[in-house]
């Protein structure tokens, strides 16, 4: 049961644990090991002793306002917006030279999971989402099969 005062995943204040040491660093070029002996204390930022209560209250108020606004939007509109974000992600991967088929496939499959899995529940955006998904699937097949 959620209680008043729960701030969910948007608030960094709900997670008091900070990771201060990592064994590797992920980048788009791959994962790179981190040598702890090469990290000097001067390169590691010191943790804040205590967050500023005024700043924390202001951030919480802003988060509350964002949540209030989001709660007023019909859920099908928010889900459709996320589906269109997946469409954009797939299009970006398909437009690379050469196309990133694996990245595009993941985004297309994720969009398909939403659109197909929520059939009849996506409101007035559903036909547009279905058309967009069909177009992505067609373009994906054309680009990955070598036909133009």
Protein backbone atom coordinates (compact mmCIF):
# COMPACT_ATOMS: atom_id res chain seq x y z
CA UNK A 1 0.00 0.00 0.00
CA UNK A 2 1.30 3.44 -0.91
CA UNK A 3 1.32 6.00 1.80
CA UNK A 4 1.31 9.77 1.71
CA UNK A 5 4.86 10.99 1.45
CA UNK A 6 6.07 8.16 -0.80
CA UNK A 7 8.04 9.75 -3.62
CA UNK A 8 8.71 6.80 -5.91
CA UNK A 9 11.44 6.41 -8.48
CA UNK A 10 11.61 10.07 -9.54
CA UNK A 11 13.17 11.15 -6.28
CA UNK A 12 16.84 10.60 -5.59
CA UNK A 13 16.04 11.29 -1.94
CA UNK A 14 14.23 7.96 -1.67
CA UNK A 15 17.53 6.11 -2.23
CA UNK A 16 20.03 6.85 0.54
CA UNK A 17 22.67 4.41 -0.79
CA UNK A 18 25.25 5.85 -3.17
CA UNK A 19 27.64 3.70 -5.17
CA UNK A 20 31.11 5.18 -4.71
CA UNK A 21 33.22 2.55 -6.43
CA UNK A 22 32.70 0.58 -9.63
CA UNK A 23 34.66 -2.26 -11.21
CA UNK A 24 33.93 -1.18 -14.80
CA UNK A 25 32.56 1.69 -16.81
CA UNK A 26 30.07 1.10 -19.60
CA UNK A 27 30.25 3.29 -22.70
CA UNK A 28 28.66 2.91 -26.15
CA UNK A 29 32.08 1.63 -27.27
CA UNK A 30 32.00 -1.19 -24.75
CA UNK A 31 32.72 -1.91 -21.12
CA UNK A 32 36.03 -0.71 -19.70
CA UNK A 33 37.59 -2.00 -16.47
CA UNK A 34 38.35 0.60 -13.81
CA UNK A 35 41.67 0.30 -12.00
CA UNK A 36 40.98 1.38 -8.38
CA UNK A 37 44.70 2.05 -7.83
CA UNK A 38 44.57 4.82 -10.46
CA UNK A 39 41.74 6.67 -8.74
CA UNK A 40 43.09 9.26 -6.37
CA UNK A 41 41.01 10.61 -3.48
CA UNK A 42 41.03 14.04 -5.14
CA UNK A 43 39.14 12.64 -8.17
CA UNK A 44 36.36 11.10 -6.09
CA UNK A 45 33.72 13.67 -5.14
CA UNK A 46 32.89 13.85 -1.46
CA UNK A 47 29.36 12.87 -0.52
CA UNK A 48 27.12 15.65 0.71
CA UNK A 49 26.88 15.61 4.46
CA UNK A 50 23.23 16.58 4.55
CA UNK A 51 20.97 17.74 1.75
CA UNK A 52 19.78 21.32 2.12
CA UNK A 53 16.27 21.03 3.64
CA UNK A 54 15.04 24.07 1.69
CA UNK A 55 16.33 22.71 -1.62
CA UNK A 56 14.93 19.27 -0.81
CA UNK A 57 11.50 20.77 -0.04
CA UNK A 58 11.58 22.73 -3.30
CA UNK A 59 12.47 19.63 -5.32
CA UNK A 60 9.74 17.63 -3.59
CA UNK A 61 7.22 20.38 -4.38
CA UNK A 62 8.28 20.36 -8.04
CA UNK A 63 8.00 16.57 -8.17
CA UNK A 64 4.56 16.74 -6.55
CA UNK A 65 3.45 19.26 -9.20
CA UNK A 66 4.77 17.07 -12.05
CA UNK A 67 2.95 14.06 -10.58
CA UNK A 68 -0.25 16.10 -10.21
CA UNK A 69 -0.06 17.16 -13.85
CA UNK A 70 0.74 13.62 -15.01
CA UNK A 71 -2.21 12.23 -13.04
CA UNK A 72 -4.52 14.52 -15.04
CA UNK A 73 -3.42 13.04 -18.38
CA UNK A 74 -5.31 9.93 -19.50
CA UNK A 75 -3.00 6.90 -19.14
CA UNK A 76 -3.55 5.85 -22.76
CA UNK A 77 -2.06 9.18 -23.88
CA UNK A 78 1.05 8.63 -21.74
CA UNK A 79 1.46 5.04 -22.98
CA UNK A 80 0.99 6.17 -26.60
CA UNK A 81 3.67 8.81 -26.04
CA UNK A 82 6.08 6.14 -24.81
CA UNK A 83 5.23 3.96 -27.81
CA UNK A 84 6.09 6.86 -30.12
CA UNK A 85 9.38 7.23 -28.27
CA UNK A 86 10.12 3.61 -29.15
CA UNK A 87 9.17 4.39 -32.77
CA UNK A 88 11.71 7.23 -32.78
CA UNK A 89 14.36 4.98 -31.22
CA UNK A 90 13.80 2.32 -33.90
CA UNK A 91 13.93 4.96 -36.65
CA UNK A 92 17.24 6.28 -35.30
CA UNK A 93 18.76 2.80 -35.34
CA UNK A 94 17.40 2.09 -38.82
CA UNK A 95 18.81 5.35 -40.18
CA UNK A 96 22.40 4.57 -39.14
CA UNK A 97 24.90 3.70 -41.87
CA UNK A 98 24.86 0.73 -41.74
CA UNK A 99 21.53 0.23 -39.97
CA UNK A 100 21.78 -1.08 -36.41
CA UNK A 101 19.42 -4.02 -36.91
CA UNK A 102 19.78 -5.36 -33.38
CA UNK A 103 18.96 -2.00 -31.75
CA UNK A 104 16.08 -1.38 -34.16
CA UNK A 105 14.67 -4.87 -33.58
CA UNK A 106 14.62 -4.34 -29.82
CA UNK A 107 12.80 -1.00 -30.14
CA UNK A 108 10.35 -2.42 -32.72
CA UNK A 109 9.64 -5.47 -30.56
CA UNK A 110 9.12 -3.25 -27.50
CA UNK A 111 6.71 -1.02 -29.44
CA UNK A 112 4.94 -4.13 -30.74
CA UNK A 113 4.58 -5.43 -27.20
CA UNK A 114 2.80 -2.23 -26.22
CA UNK A 115 0.65 -1.83 -29.32
CA UNK A 116 -0.26 -5.50 -29.79
CA UNK A 117 -0.45 -6.29 -26.08
CA UNK A 118 -2.75 -3.35 -25.33
CA UNK A 119 -5.00 -3.71 -28.37
CA UNK A 120 -8.26 -1.86 -27.86
CA UNK A 121 -6.96 0.10 -24.87
CA UNK A 122 -4.80 2.81 -26.47
CA UNK A 123 -7.56 5.27 -27.31
CA UNK A 124 -7.63 7.42 -30.41
CA UNK A 125 -3.87 7.05 -30.98
CA UNK A 126 -4.14 3.31 -31.58
CA UNK A 127 -4.66 3.38 -35.38
CA UNK A 128 -1.71 5.76 -35.78
CA UNK A 129 0.45 3.55 -33.57
CA UNK A 130 -0.53 0.45 -35.56
CA UNK A 131 0.34 2.16 -38.85
CA UNK A 132 3.65 3.38 -37.46
CA UNK A 133 4.52 -0.09 -36.20
CA UNK A 134 3.64 -1.64 -39.57
CA UNK A 135 5.84 0.90 -41.36
CA UNK A 136 8.76 0.17 -39.04
CA UNK A 137 8.41 -3.56 -39.53
CA UNK A 138 8.29 -3.16 -43.31
CA UNK A 139 11.33 -0.87 -43.39
CA UNK A 140 13.21 -3.21 -41.06
CA UNK A 141 12.60 -6.18 -43.38
CA UNK A 142 13.59 -4.14 -46.43
CA UNK A 143 16.83 -2.90 -44.85
CA UNK A 144 17.89 -6.17 -43.29
CA UNK A 145 17.09 -8.37 -46.30
CA UNK A 146 19.16 -6.21 -48.65
CA UNK A 147 16.20 -5.11 -50.81
CA UNK A 148 15.38 -1.46 -51.40
